[in-house]
Structures are given as C-alpha cells and as structure tokens.
Protein backbone atom coordinates (compact mmCIF):
# COMPACT_ATOMS: atom_id res chain seq x y z
CA LEU A 1 -2.26 -8.59 -15.59
CA ALA A 2 -1.09 -5.94 -18.30
CA ALA A 3 2.45 -6.02 -16.89
CA LEU A 4 2.85 -9.84 -17.34
CA ALA A 5 5.02 -11.07 -20.11
CA PRO A 6 3.37 -13.70 -22.42
CA ARG A 7 2.94 -16.84 -20.11
CA GLY A 8 3.88 -14.78 -17.29
CA ARG A 9 3.01 -15.86 -13.68
CA LEU A 10 1.43 -13.56 -11.05
CA VAL A 11 2.05 -14.72 -7.50
CA VAL A 12 -0.52 -13.39 -5.01
CA ILE A 13 0.59 -13.42 -1.17
CA SER A 14 -1.59 -10.78 0.24
CA ALA A 15 -4.77 -8.74 -0.08
CA VAL A 16 -4.80 -5.19 0.79
CA GLY A 17 -7.95 -3.22 0.62
CA THR A 18 -10.40 -5.00 -1.44
CA ARG A 19 -10.33 -8.77 -1.83
CA VAL A 20 -12.19 -8.77 -5.15
CA VAL A 21 -10.10 -7.92 -8.24
CA PRO A 22 -11.83 -7.78 -11.68
CA ILE A 23 -9.85 -9.21 -14.52
CA ASP A 24 -10.36 -9.58 -18.13
CA LEU A 25 -10.48 -13.25 -18.78
CA VAL A 26 -9.94 -13.09 -22.54
CA ASP A 27 -6.57 -11.04 -21.82
CA PHE A 28 -5.76 -13.68 -19.15
CA TYR A 29 -6.00 -16.75 -21.29
CA ARG A 30 -4.83 -15.14 -24.45
CA ASN A 31 -1.67 -14.32 -22.75
CA GLU A 32 -1.50 -17.96 -21.41
CA SER A 33 -1.11 -16.24 -17.86
CA ARG A 34 -0.85 -18.17 -14.61
CA MET A 35 -1.90 -16.69 -11.11
CA LEU A 36 -0.82 -18.70 -8.02
CA GLY A 37 -1.81 -17.93 -4.51
CA VAL A 38 0.11 -18.43 -1.48
CA SER A 39 -1.42 -18.17 2.21
CA SER A 40 1.62 -17.25 4.01
CA SER A 41 -0.52 -16.68 7.16
CA ALA A 42 -0.73 -20.62 7.38
CA LEU A 43 2.95 -21.10 7.36
CA GLY A 44 5.25 -20.86 10.41
CA VAL A 45 8.69 -19.54 10.26
CA VAL A 46 10.28 -22.62 9.43
CA GLU A 47 8.01 -23.39 6.38
CA SER A 48 8.29 -19.83 5.29
CA GLY A 49 12.01 -20.22 5.29
CA ARG A 50 11.80 -23.46 3.24
CA LEU A 51 9.42 -21.67 0.91
CA LEU A 52 11.79 -18.74 0.33
CA ALA A 53 14.76 -21.12 -0.11
CA GLU A 54 12.84 -22.82 -2.86
CA LEU A 55 11.78 -19.46 -4.61
CA MET A 56 15.43 -17.93 -4.48
CA PRO A 57 17.09 -19.69 -7.42
CA HIS A 58 14.03 -18.45 -9.52
CA PHE A 59 14.91 -14.80 -8.41
CA GLU A 60 18.77 -15.33 -8.78
CA SER A 61 18.36 -16.67 -12.35
CA GLY A 62 16.09 -13.78 -13.33
CA ALA A 63 12.98 -16.16 -13.91
CA PHE A 64 11.17 -14.22 -11.28
CA ARG A 65 11.66 -10.53 -11.57
CA PRO A 66 10.06 -8.18 -8.65
CA LEU A 67 8.27 -5.14 -9.61
CA PRO A 68 10.28 -2.06 -9.63
CA ILE A 69 10.42 0.03 -6.65
CA SER A 70 7.86 2.79 -6.92
CA ARG A 71 8.52 4.77 -3.66
CA SER A 72 10.58 4.41 -0.57
CA TYR A 73 9.67 5.50 2.94
CA GLY A 74 11.86 5.94 5.96
CA LEU A 75 10.83 4.01 9.09
CA ASP A 76 9.10 7.01 10.58
CA GLU A 77 6.92 7.03 7.45
CA SER A 78 5.67 3.56 7.81
CA ARG A 79 2.04 4.61 8.18
CA ASP A 80 2.15 6.51 5.00
CA ALA A 81 3.80 3.40 3.37
CA TYR A 82 0.92 1.11 4.28
CA LEU A 83 -1.63 3.72 3.29
CA ALA A 84 0.08 3.80 -0.11
CA VAL A 85 -0.26 0.10 -0.43
CA ALA A 86 -3.95 0.11 0.74
CA GLY A 87 -4.62 3.03 -1.73
CA GLY A 88 -3.54 0.68 -4.65
CA ALA A 89 0.12 2.03 -5.25
CA ARG A 90 1.63 0.14 -8.26
CA GLY A 91 5.01 -1.34 -7.96
CA ARG A 92 6.99 -2.09 -4.66
CA ILE A 93 6.59 0.17 -1.51
CA VAL A 94 9.76 -0.11 0.46
CA ILE A 95 10.29 0.84 4.06
CA HIS A 96 13.98 1.37 5.04
CA PRO A 97 15.47 2.27 8.42
C-alpha cells in the first residue's frame, strides 16, 4: 500500500504464499486507496481475453502502471523465479526464454 499514489488502486489477481496480509486501515483510508480482486481462475480463455482487452487502454494511457521489474530469470531458472515470488519479492519477476 505504501507504493500507491493518493487515490491509487491495487489490483490483486493471485495469492502466493500466505493468503492473509495485514494492512494499516488508517493509511488505507487516508490515502483514499482502492483494492480490487479478480479471480482469474474462474475465467476461461475467452473471458480472460475480454478482460485484458478492457484493461489495455488503461495501461496504454498510463492510468495503470505496472510495478518495475525487480529481477529477470531465464527459462531454465523458472524454479528460482517462482521461489522469489513465494518468498515475497517486491516488484515484477519476469521469466524470459
């Protein structure tokens, strides 16, 4: 939450590691933050594509900005990448061919 701009949105699409995350509610409401959850496992390929198409203009306009890439892993290091995410790595973890 500390990384959110005033009135920022946090979109949660997965839970790695623990499912319970403590937050400071005072910081949350004083920042006028919003948290949205998306259960992507409930969506099929067509529905996921539709959702991504709806989100794309927000990324293209800069309204949604992804976290910075904190670490890149080669495909042969995929296990290490997943362990980094499970260990609470901050930022985006990228696996590339």
